[in-house]
Protein backbone atom coordinates (compact mmCIF):
# COMPACT_ATOMS: atom_id res chain seq x y z
CA MET A 1 0.00 -0.01 -0.01
CA SER A 2 1.39 3.31 -1.02
CA ALA A 3 1.99 6.10 1.44
CA ARG A 4 -0.74 8.18 -0.17
CA LEU A 5 -3.32 5.40 0.27
CA ARG A 6 -2.37 4.83 3.90
CA ALA A 7 -2.78 8.56 4.59
CA LEU A 8 -6.19 8.56 2.98
CA VAL A 9 -7.32 5.58 5.09
CA LEU A 10 -6.13 7.22 8.32
CA LEU A 11 -7.93 10.42 7.37
CA LEU A 12 -11.20 8.58 6.80
CA ALA A 13 -10.86 6.73 10.10
CA ALA A 14 -10.26 9.97 12.01
CA ALA A 15 -13.27 11.55 10.32
CA GLY A 16 -15.42 8.60 11.39
CA VAL A 17 -14.28 8.86 14.96
CA VAL A 18 -15.06 12.60 15.04
CA PHE A 19 -18.50 11.92 13.53
CA LEU A 20 -19.30 9.32 16.20
CA VAL A 21 -18.14 11.63 19.02
CA VAL A 22 -20.28 14.50 17.69
CA LEU A 23 -23.28 12.20 17.27
CA ASP A 24 -22.93 10.84 20.77
CA SER A 25 -22.63 14.36 22.23
CA ARG A 26 -25.79 15.44 20.40
CA SER A 27 -27.79 12.47 21.60
CA GLY A 28 -27.06 13.34 25.26
CA PRO A 29 -27.29 11.03 28.24
CA SER A 30 -29.99 8.35 28.22
CA PRO A 31 -33.08 9.17 30.33
CA TYR A 32 -33.81 7.54 33.71
CA THR A 33 -36.83 5.29 33.04
CA VAL A 34 -39.30 4.09 35.69
CA ARG A 35 -42.01 1.44 35.27
CA ALA A 36 -44.74 2.62 37.71
CA LEU A 37 -47.75 0.36 38.47
CA PHE A 38 -51.12 1.96 39.29
CA ASP A 39 -54.54 0.56 40.22
CA ASN A 40 -56.09 3.13 37.87
CA ALA A 41 -54.31 5.38 35.31
CA GLY A 42 -57.37 6.88 33.63
CA TYR A 43 -56.80 10.05 31.56
CA ALA A 44 -52.99 9.75 31.97
CA ALA A 45 -51.80 9.90 28.36
CA PRO A 46 -48.29 9.59 26.82
CA GLY A 47 -46.58 12.95 26.53
CA GLU A 48 -48.02 14.34 29.78
CA GLN A 49 -45.53 15.81 32.29
CA VAL A 50 -43.76 14.12 35.16
CA ARG A 51 -43.17 16.62 37.99
CA ILE A 52 -41.10 16.59 41.14
CA ALA A 53 -41.91 19.30 43.70
CA GLY A 54 -43.89 21.10 40.98
CA ALA A 55 -41.00 21.23 38.48
CA PRO A 56 -41.36 19.29 35.19
CA VAL A 57 -38.54 16.71 34.99
CA GLY A 58 -39.78 14.30 32.33
CA THR A 59 -42.75 12.85 30.47
CA ILE A 60 -45.01 9.78 30.24
CA VAL A 61 -43.51 7.53 27.55
CA SER A 62 -46.10 4.80 27.20
CA GLU A 63 -48.86 2.90 29.01
CA ALA A 64 -49.87 -0.72 29.27
CA VAL A 65 -51.85 -3.25 31.34
CA THR A 66 -50.33 -6.17 33.25
CA SER A 67 -51.73 -9.66 33.44
CA GLY A 68 -52.90 -8.80 36.96
CA HIS A 69 -55.03 -5.91 35.62
CA LEU A 70 -52.74 -3.17 36.88
CA ALA A 71 -52.02 -0.06 34.83
CA VAL A 72 -48.38 0.37 33.71
CA VAL A 73 -47.15 3.95 33.21
CA ASN A 74 -43.60 4.18 31.81
CA LEU A 75 -41.91 7.40 32.96
CA ALA A 76 -38.76 9.01 31.49
CA VAL A 77 -36.89 11.47 33.70
CA THR A 78 -34.68 13.66 31.47
CA THR A 79 -33.69 16.47 33.83
CA PRO A 80 -30.36 15.86 35.60
CA GLY A 81 -30.22 16.09 39.38
CA PHE A 82 -33.53 14.24 40.04
CA THR A 83 -32.15 10.75 39.88
CA PRO A 84 -31.67 8.06 41.06
CA TRP A 85 -34.98 7.12 42.72
CA HIS A 86 -35.23 5.05 45.90
CA THR A 87 -37.59 2.46 47.26
CA ASN A 88 -39.42 5.07 49.37
CA ALA A 89 -40.28 7.06 46.23
CA THR A 90 -43.98 7.81 45.50
CA CYS A 91 -46.02 8.77 42.44
CA ALA A 92 -49.61 9.99 42.13
CA ILE A 93 -51.72 10.89 39.07
CA ARG A 94 -53.21 14.34 39.62
CA PRO A 95 -55.52 16.60 37.57
CA GLN A 96 -53.69 19.31 35.64
CA SER A 97 -56.79 21.29 34.52
CA LEU A 98 -60.57 21.06 34.34
CA ILE A 99 -60.53 19.30 30.95
CA ALA A 100 -59.42 15.89 32.23
CA GLU A 101 -55.66 16.43 31.63
CA ARG A 102 -53.42 14.61 34.07
CA TYR A 103 -49.76 14.66 35.14
CA VAL A 104 -47.71 12.42 37.37
CA ASP A 105 -46.55 14.01 40.62
CA CYS A 106 -43.57 12.07 42.03
CA SER A 107 -41.08 12.15 44.87
CA PRO A 108 -37.73 10.40 44.24
CA GLY A 109 -37.37 9.34 47.87
CA THR A 110 -34.42 9.78 50.19
CA ALA A 111 -30.92 8.38 50.09
CA ALA A 112 -31.56 6.52 53.36
CA ALA A 113 -33.52 3.91 51.38
CA PRO A 114 -32.05 1.60 48.71
CA ALA A 115 -32.26 2.50 45.02
CA LEU A 116 -35.20 1.34 42.96
CA PRO A 117 -34.60 -2.19 41.60
CA LEU A 118 -33.70 -2.53 37.91
CA ILE A 119 -35.79 -4.99 35.84
CA ARG A 120 -33.30 -7.36 34.29
CA ARG A 121 -35.59 -9.37 31.99
CA GLY A 122 -39.22 -9.62 30.92
CA PRO A 123 -41.66 -6.76 30.44
CA GLY A 124 -40.01 -3.43 31.19
CA ALA A 125 -36.45 -4.81 31.09
CA GLY A 126 -33.91 -2.05 31.57
CA THR A 127 -36.31 0.17 33.59
CA HIS A 128 -36.70 0.68 37.32
CA LEU A 129 -39.77 -0.79 39.03
CA LEU A 130 -42.03 1.31 41.29
CA GLY A 131 -44.65 -0.98 42.91
CA VAL A 132 -48.35 -0.35 43.18
CA ASP A 133 -48.02 0.13 46.95
CA ARG A 134 -46.07 3.36 46.27
CA THR A 135 -48.55 4.87 43.79
CA SER A 136 -52.07 6.33 44.01
CA SER A 137 -54.76 7.65 41.67
CA PRO A 138 -57.49 10.21 42.45
CA ILE A 139 -61.21 9.56 41.97
CA ASP A 140 -62.54 11.85 39.25
CA PRO A 141 -65.24 14.34 40.28
CA ASP A 142 -67.52 13.21 37.43
CA ILE A 143 -67.55 9.67 38.80
CA VAL A 144 -68.54 10.95 42.25
CA ALA A 145 -71.23 13.22 40.72
CA SER A 146 -72.71 10.38 38.68
CA ILE A 147 -73.45 8.38 41.83
CA ALA A 148 -76.40 10.71 42.49
CA THR A 149 -78.14 9.74 39.22
CA GLU A 150 -80.93 7.17 39.46
CA PRO A 151 -79.53 4.23 37.41
CA VAL A 152 -76.05 4.59 38.83
CA ARG A 153 -77.36 4.81 42.38
CA VAL A 154 -79.39 1.65 41.99
CA ALA A 155 -76.49 -0.17 40.36
CA LEU A 156 -74.14 1.05 43.10
CA SER A 157 -76.51 -0.25 45.78
CA THR A 158 -76.61 -3.65 44.08
CA ILE A 159 -72.80 -3.72 43.84
CA LEU A 160 -72.41 -2.80 47.48
CA ASP A 161 -74.87 -5.49 48.55
CA GLN A 162 -73.00 -8.11 46.54
CA LEU A 163 -69.61 -6.80 47.81
CA GLY A 164 -70.87 -7.08 51.39
CA THR A 165 -71.65 -10.73 50.79
CA GLY A 166 -68.52 -11.56 48.81
CA LEU A 167 -66.04 -9.66 51.03
CA ALA A 168 -67.47 -10.62 54.41
CA ALA A 169 -64.39 -12.70 55.23
CA ARG A 170 -61.83 -10.49 53.47
CA GLY A 171 -61.89 -7.34 55.56
CA SER A 172 -58.12 -6.81 55.54
CA ASP A 173 -57.96 -7.15 51.75
CA LEU A 174 -60.86 -4.71 51.33
CA ASN A 175 -59.10 -2.29 53.69
CA ALA A 176 -55.90 -2.47 51.60
CA VAL A 177 -57.85 -1.91 48.37
CA ILE A 178 -59.71 1.11 49.83
CA LEU A 179 -56.49 2.65 51.08
CA ARG A 180 -54.82 2.21 47.67
CA ALA A 181 -57.93 3.54 45.90
CA ASP A 182 -57.69 6.94 47.52
CA PRO A 183 -54.39 8.36 48.82
CA GLY A 184 -56.34 10.60 51.20
CA LEU A 185 -57.57 7.53 53.07
CA ALA A 186 -54.01 6.29 53.35
CA GLN A 187 -52.92 9.59 54.85
CA THR A 188 -55.94 9.50 57.18
CA ASN A 189 -54.92 6.01 58.28
CA ARG A 190 -51.39 7.29 59.02
CA VAL A 191 -52.89 10.16 61.01
CA PHE A 192 -54.99 7.74 63.07
CA THR A 193 -51.94 5.56 63.64
CA VAL A 194 -49.96 8.53 64.92
CA LEU A 195 -52.88 9.62 67.09
CA ALA A 196 -53.16 6.09 68.54
CA GLY A 197 -49.46 6.25 69.45
CA GLN A 198 -50.01 9.60 71.09
CA ALA A 199 -53.10 8.58 73.05
CA ARG A 200 -51.50 9.21 76.43
CA THR A 201 -50.24 12.61 75.32
CA LEU A 202 -53.66 13.51 73.91
CA ALA A 203 -55.30 12.44 77.16
CA ASN A 204 -52.92 14.65 79.14
CA LEU A 205 -53.60 17.47 76.70
CA ALA A 206 -57.37 17.08 77.19
CA ARG A 207 -56.97 17.07 80.98
CA ASP A 208 -54.69 20.08 80.99
CA ALA A 209 -56.91 21.87 78.48
CA ARG A 210 -59.86 21.37 80.83
CA ARG A 211 -57.89 22.91 83.67
CA VAL A 212 -57.00 25.91 81.48
CA LEU A 213 -60.40 26.34 79.84
CA GLY A 214 -62.25 26.13 83.17
CA PRO A 215 -60.88 29.43 84.54
CA LEU A 216 -61.19 30.97 81.08
CA ALA A 217 -64.86 29.98 80.95
CA ALA A 218 -65.40 31.54 84.39
CA ALA A 219 -63.71 34.75 83.19
CA ARG A 220 -65.24 34.72 79.70
CA ARG A 221 -66.69 38.22 80.15
CA SER A 222 -63.26 39.59 80.99
CA LEU A 223 -61.79 37.65 78.08
CA ALA A 224 -64.47 39.02 75.76
CA GLY A 225 -63.77 42.50 77.08
CA PHE A 226 -60.05 42.00 76.46
CA ILE A 227 -60.74 40.89 72.88
CA THR A 228 -63.09 43.85 72.34
CA SER A 229 -60.50 46.25 73.76
CA GLY A 230 -57.88 44.69 71.55
CA ALA A 231 -60.13 45.29 68.55
CA HIS A 232 -60.58 48.94 69.55
CA THR A 233 -56.81 49.24 70.08
CA ALA A 234 -56.11 47.74 66.68
CA ALA A 235 -58.60 50.11 65.08
CA ALA A 236 -57.00 53.08 66.84
CA ALA A 237 -53.55 51.88 65.78
CA ALA A 238 -54.77 51.57 62.19
CA THR A 239 -55.72 55.28 62.22
CA GLN A 240 -52.15 56.10 63.37
CA GLN A 241 -50.49 53.88 60.78
CA ALA A 242 -48.35 56.69 59.33
CA ALA A 243 -47.04 57.76 62.77
CA ILE A 244 -46.35 54.12 63.77
CA SER A 245 -44.53 53.56 60.47
CA ALA A 246 -42.44 56.65 60.99
CA THR A 247 -41.65 55.49 64.54
CA ILE A 248 -40.57 52.05 63.31
CA HIS A 249 -38.38 53.66 60.64
CA ALA A 250 -36.76 55.86 63.26
CA LEU A 251 -36.27 52.89 65.62
CA PRO A 252 -32.88 51.73 64.16
CA ARG A 253 -31.35 55.17 64.62
CA PHE A 254 -32.75 55.31 68.17
CA LEU A 255 -31.26 51.91 68.94
CA VAL A 256 -27.88 53.03 67.63
CA ARG A 257 -27.96 56.02 69.93
CA LEU A 258 -29.30 53.92 72.77
CA ARG A 259 -26.38 51.46 72.63
CA PRO A 260 -23.88 53.72 74.54
CA LEU A 261 -26.51 54.43 77.21
CA MET A 262 -27.21 50.70 77.61
CA ALA A 263 -23.48 50.08 77.92
CA ASP A 264 -23.30 52.74 80.69
CA LEU A 265 -26.32 51.20 82.36
CA GLY A 266 -24.64 47.83 82.20
CA ALA A 267 -21.51 49.27 83.82
CA LEU A 268 -23.70 50.93 86.46
CA ALA A 269 -25.47 47.63 87.17
CA ASP A 270 -22.10 45.89 87.53
CA ALA A 271 -20.84 48.59 89.87
CA GLY A 272 -24.13 48.58 91.83
CA THR A 273 -24.13 44.84 92.38
CA PRO A 274 -22.10 44.99 95.59
CA ALA A 275 -24.31 47.79 96.94
CA LEU A 276 -27.43 45.76 96.12
CA ALA A 277 -25.89 42.72 97.79
CA ASN A 278 -25.21 44.77 100.96
CA LEU A 279 -28.72 46.16 100.75
CA GLY A 280 -30.05 42.62 100.53
CA SER A 281 -28.15 41.64 103.66
CA SER A 282 -29.62 44.72 105.39
CA ALA A 283 -33.14 44.00 104.24
CA GLY A 284 -34.06 42.35 107.54
CA ALA A 285 -32.97 45.38 109.58
CA LEU A 286 -34.70 47.74 107.16
CA ASN A 287 -37.86 45.68 107.46
CA ARG A 288 -37.76 45.83 111.23
CA THR A 289 -37.13 49.59 111.09
CA LEU A 290 -40.07 50.14 108.75
CA THR A 291 -42.25 47.92 110.93
CA GLY A 292 -41.30 50.01 113.98
CA LEU A 293 -42.24 53.18 112.11
CA VAL A 294 -45.90 52.10 112.05
CA PRO A 295 -46.62 53.00 115.73
CA PHE A 296 -44.62 56.20 115.35
CA ALA A 297 -46.69 57.15 112.32
CA SER A 298 -49.90 56.42 114.23
CA ARG A 299 -48.86 58.70 117.09
CA ALA A 300 -47.50 61.31 114.74
CA ARG A 301 -50.87 61.44 113.04
CA THR A 302 -52.47 62.57 116.30
CA ALA A 303 -49.78 65.23 116.75
CA LEU A 304 -50.19 66.46 113.20
CA LEU A 305 -53.95 66.70 113.61
CA ALA A 306 -53.44 68.75 116.80
CA LEU A 307 -50.90 70.94 115.01
CA SER A 308 -53.38 71.45 112.20
CA ARG A 309 -56.04 72.57 114.66
CA ALA A 310 -53.57 74.90 116.41
CA ALA A 311 -52.56 76.40 113.07
CA ALA A 312 -56.20 76.95 112.16
CA ALA A 313 -56.86 78.60 115.52
CA SER A 314 -53.83 80.88 115.30
CA GLN A 315 -54.40 81.85 111.69
CA GLY A 316 -56.21 85.05 112.66
CA ASP A 317 -53.45 86.15 115.05
CA LEU A 318 -50.79 85.40 112.47
CA VAL A 319 -52.63 87.48 109.91
CA ALA A 320 -53.00 90.27 112.46
CA THR A 321 -49.19 90.40 112.85
CA ASP A 322 -48.75 91.30 109.23
CA PRO A 323 -48.76 95.12 109.92
CA LEU A 324 -46.19 94.56 112.67
CA ALA A 325 -44.04 92.61 110.29
CA GLY A 326 -44.26 95.46 107.84
CA ARG A 327 -43.21 97.96 110.48
CA LEU A 328 -40.32 95.69 111.55
CA ALA A 329 -39.21 95.54 107.94
CA ARG A 330 -39.27 99.33 107.66
CA LEU A 331 -37.48 99.57 111.01
CA GLY A 332 -34.75 97.24 109.78
CA THR A 333 -34.36 99.38 106.69
CA SER A 334 -34.19 102.65 108.72
CA ALA A 335 -31.83 101.17 111.35
CA THR A 336 -29.19 100.29 108.78
CA ALA A 337 -27.19 103.52 109.23
CA PRO A 338 -27.18 103.45 113.12
CA VAL A 339 -26.27 99.76 113.12
CA LEU A 340 -23.39 100.39 110.71
CA ALA A 341 -22.23 103.30 112.89
CA LEU A 342 -22.49 101.17 116.03
CA ALA A 343 -20.54 98.41 114.31
CA SER A 344 -17.84 100.91 113.35
CA LEU A 345 -17.77 102.19 116.97
CA THR A 346 -17.46 98.71 118.44
CA ARG A 347 -14.67 97.82 115.99
CA SER A 348 -12.85 101.02 116.92
CA LEU A 349 -13.26 100.42 120.68
CA SER A 350 -12.14 96.82 120.27
CA GLY A 351 -9.14 97.75 118.12
CA SER A 352 -7.95 100.56 120.38
CA GLY A 353 -8.19 98.51 123.60
CA ALA A 354 -10.87 100.79 125.15
CA ILE A 355 -13.05 97.97 126.35
CA PRO A 356 -10.25 96.16 128.25
CA ALA A 357 -9.19 99.52 129.70
CA LEU A 358 -12.78 100.25 130.82
CA MET A 359 -12.98 96.79 132.44
CA ALA A 360 -9.66 97.44 134.18
CA LEU A 361 -10.92 100.84 135.40
CA LEU A 362 -14.07 99.31 136.84
CA PHE A 363 -12.10 96.52 138.47
CA ASN A 364 -9.46 98.82 139.97
CA GLY A 365 -12.09 101.37 141.00
CA ALA A 366 -14.09 98.70 142.76
CA GLY A 367 -10.90 97.42 144.40
CA ALA A 368 -9.88 100.93 145.51
CA THR A 369 -13.21 101.69 147.16
CA ASN A 370 -13.88 98.23 148.59
CA GLY A 371 -11.70 96.96 151.39
CA PHE A 372 -11.53 93.69 153.25
CA ASP A 373 -10.51 93.03 156.86
CA ALA A 374 -11.19 90.49 159.60
CA ASP A 375 -14.81 91.59 159.87
CA GLY A 376 -15.48 91.40 156.08
CA HIS A 377 -15.82 93.96 153.26
CA TYR A 378 -16.05 97.62 153.94
CA LEU A 379 -16.56 100.70 151.75
CA ARG A 380 -13.96 103.43 151.91
CA THR A 381 -15.79 106.85 152.24
CA ASP A 382 -14.76 110.42 153.01
CA LEU A 383 -17.61 112.58 154.19
CA GLN A 384 -17.43 116.17 152.94
CA VAL A 385 -19.38 118.46 155.26
CA GLY A 386 -19.79 122.18 154.44
CA SER A 387 -22.21 124.91 153.70
CA CYS A 388 -22.99 123.49 150.28
CA THR A 389 -23.60 119.84 151.26
CA GLY A 390 -27.06 120.28 152.71
CA TYR A 391 -30.26 120.04 150.65
CA ALA A 392 -31.73 123.44 149.76
CA ARG A 393 -34.83 124.39 147.78
CA SER A 394 -33.45 127.81 146.82
CA PRO A 395 -30.00 128.79 145.60
CA VAL A 396 -27.41 129.33 148.31
CA PRO A 397 -24.87 132.09 147.65
CA GLY A 398 -21.52 130.56 146.81
CA CYS A 399 -22.96 127.10 146.07
CA SER A 400 -23.89 126.24 142.45
CA ALA A 401 -24.06 122.95 140.49
CA ASN A 402 -24.27 124.57 137.07
CA PHE A 403 -21.27 124.31 134.79
CA SER A 404 -21.57 127.79 133.35
CA GLY A 405 -17.87 128.39 133.07
CA ASN A 406 -14.45 127.98 134.72
CA PRO A 407 -11.70 130.26 135.93
CA GLY A 408 -9.80 129.77 132.70
CA GLY A 409 -12.64 131.21 130.65
CA ARG A 410 -13.50 127.92 128.82
CA SER A 411 -17.21 127.26 128.29
CA PHE A 412 -18.83 123.83 128.49
CA THR A 413 -21.50 124.87 126.00
CA ALA A 414 -21.33 122.85 122.74
CA THR A 415 -20.60 124.67 119.55
CA ALA A 416 -23.12 124.90 116.72
CA ALA A 417 -21.27 122.37 114.52
CA THR A 418 -21.00 119.91 117.38
CA ALA A 419 -24.68 120.31 118.13
CA ALA A 420 -25.61 119.77 114.46
CA GLY A 421 -23.52 116.53 114.31
CA ALA A 422 -25.06 115.28 117.48
CA ALA A 423 -28.53 115.96 116.13
CA THR A 424 -27.72 114.12 112.87
CA ALA A 425 -26.37 111.11 114.76
CA ALA A 426 -29.38 111.06 117.08
CA ALA A 427 -31.97 111.19 114.28
CA PRO A 428 -31.92 107.39 113.55
CA LEU A 429 -32.22 106.68 117.27
CA ARG A 430 -35.20 109.00 117.50
CA ARG A 431 -36.88 107.14 114.57
CA LEU A 432 -36.11 103.82 116.24
CA LEU A 433 -37.73 105.03 119.46
CA SER A 434 -40.73 106.35 117.56
CA TYR A 435 -41.31 102.92 115.84
CA LEU A 436 -40.88 101.08 119.12
CA THR A 437 -43.33 103.37 120.91
CA GLY A 438 -45.86 103.33 118.00
CA ALA A 439 -45.49 106.98 117.14
CA GLY A 440 -44.29 106.14 113.57
CA ARG A 441 -47.43 104.17 112.62
């Protein structure tokens, strides 16, 4: 074989391989097929959808009838991710619309159960078998409605009579057929089974409910009032919907600003824990103290009542002292200057040592005139007897007590300026005397 011929053969072989690869890639993966057995597959036609959790995942490929009078529905699942199916998978034929269209609603089961068995040979070889015990079919509404018609009702009565006779000894088989005939009955049976297992719990629930509902029944008026008030509250809140909405919108910002305060409150609570603990240990003493205050409060009440009566009785006298209080206020205002002058005088006397000197004079004078011997104290005196010492109603020549002058020519009469100053200084004292004596009213 020449080199050119060998090259042509290799080129044709490579082209064939590429063609097969492209063809295989276009055909895609083979679908996952399931042979589902139903008691009744009426109105389920090839081409209708197969759904899992409401999502279409495949179609009905074909239908057939087994030798045991079961309906065979061959399903093809073409959407990846919904396979493989397991032995706890379920399928039910459900109505898709009001014109008798149907679809198959399935659940692939859980990985805890084994995978569906693969049929190796015979009818349905190469597909996975889903038994009749895992499928269900609904009863069409038109069949239920036709029971009310006269011929069907009579025929149904005859069938039921004959079934009662023929199935008298096959109750368990009839129960299984009924449960498979309607999936709702199967679910009801499961519910009853669960309730039977929870009988003790349900009994306790009934007993506890009776204990709770008894007081509620006794207070049903209050409960009804609470519900009515709640309705009124809800109606009032509905009228304030805009304000409530604004408050809720402002709540996040408020919470952000509240966070530092809550942190401070937390720190305060931590710091106050020892104080509260000490307060708790002192609670007994505080309780005894407060208990002892009860008699004191009872006696204080009597005293307060007496004080109230005394205040009421003296109210007139207190009101009558209002003019006196006014005069005392005016007196305090007028006595400001004399008091300031007196304060200045006392500071001057204290600073110059006049008061200690006066005290020393009085002490030494008393000591000079008062003697003490074996008989006790005696007063030193020097009687002056003369023509001017006797009492006389008329002037005696040569005897006078008037300071009209002295041999040096100095007069004891005050000058005009001195007299004016004395009068000015004495004016506040005269006003004080006039207020005290009532002349300034």
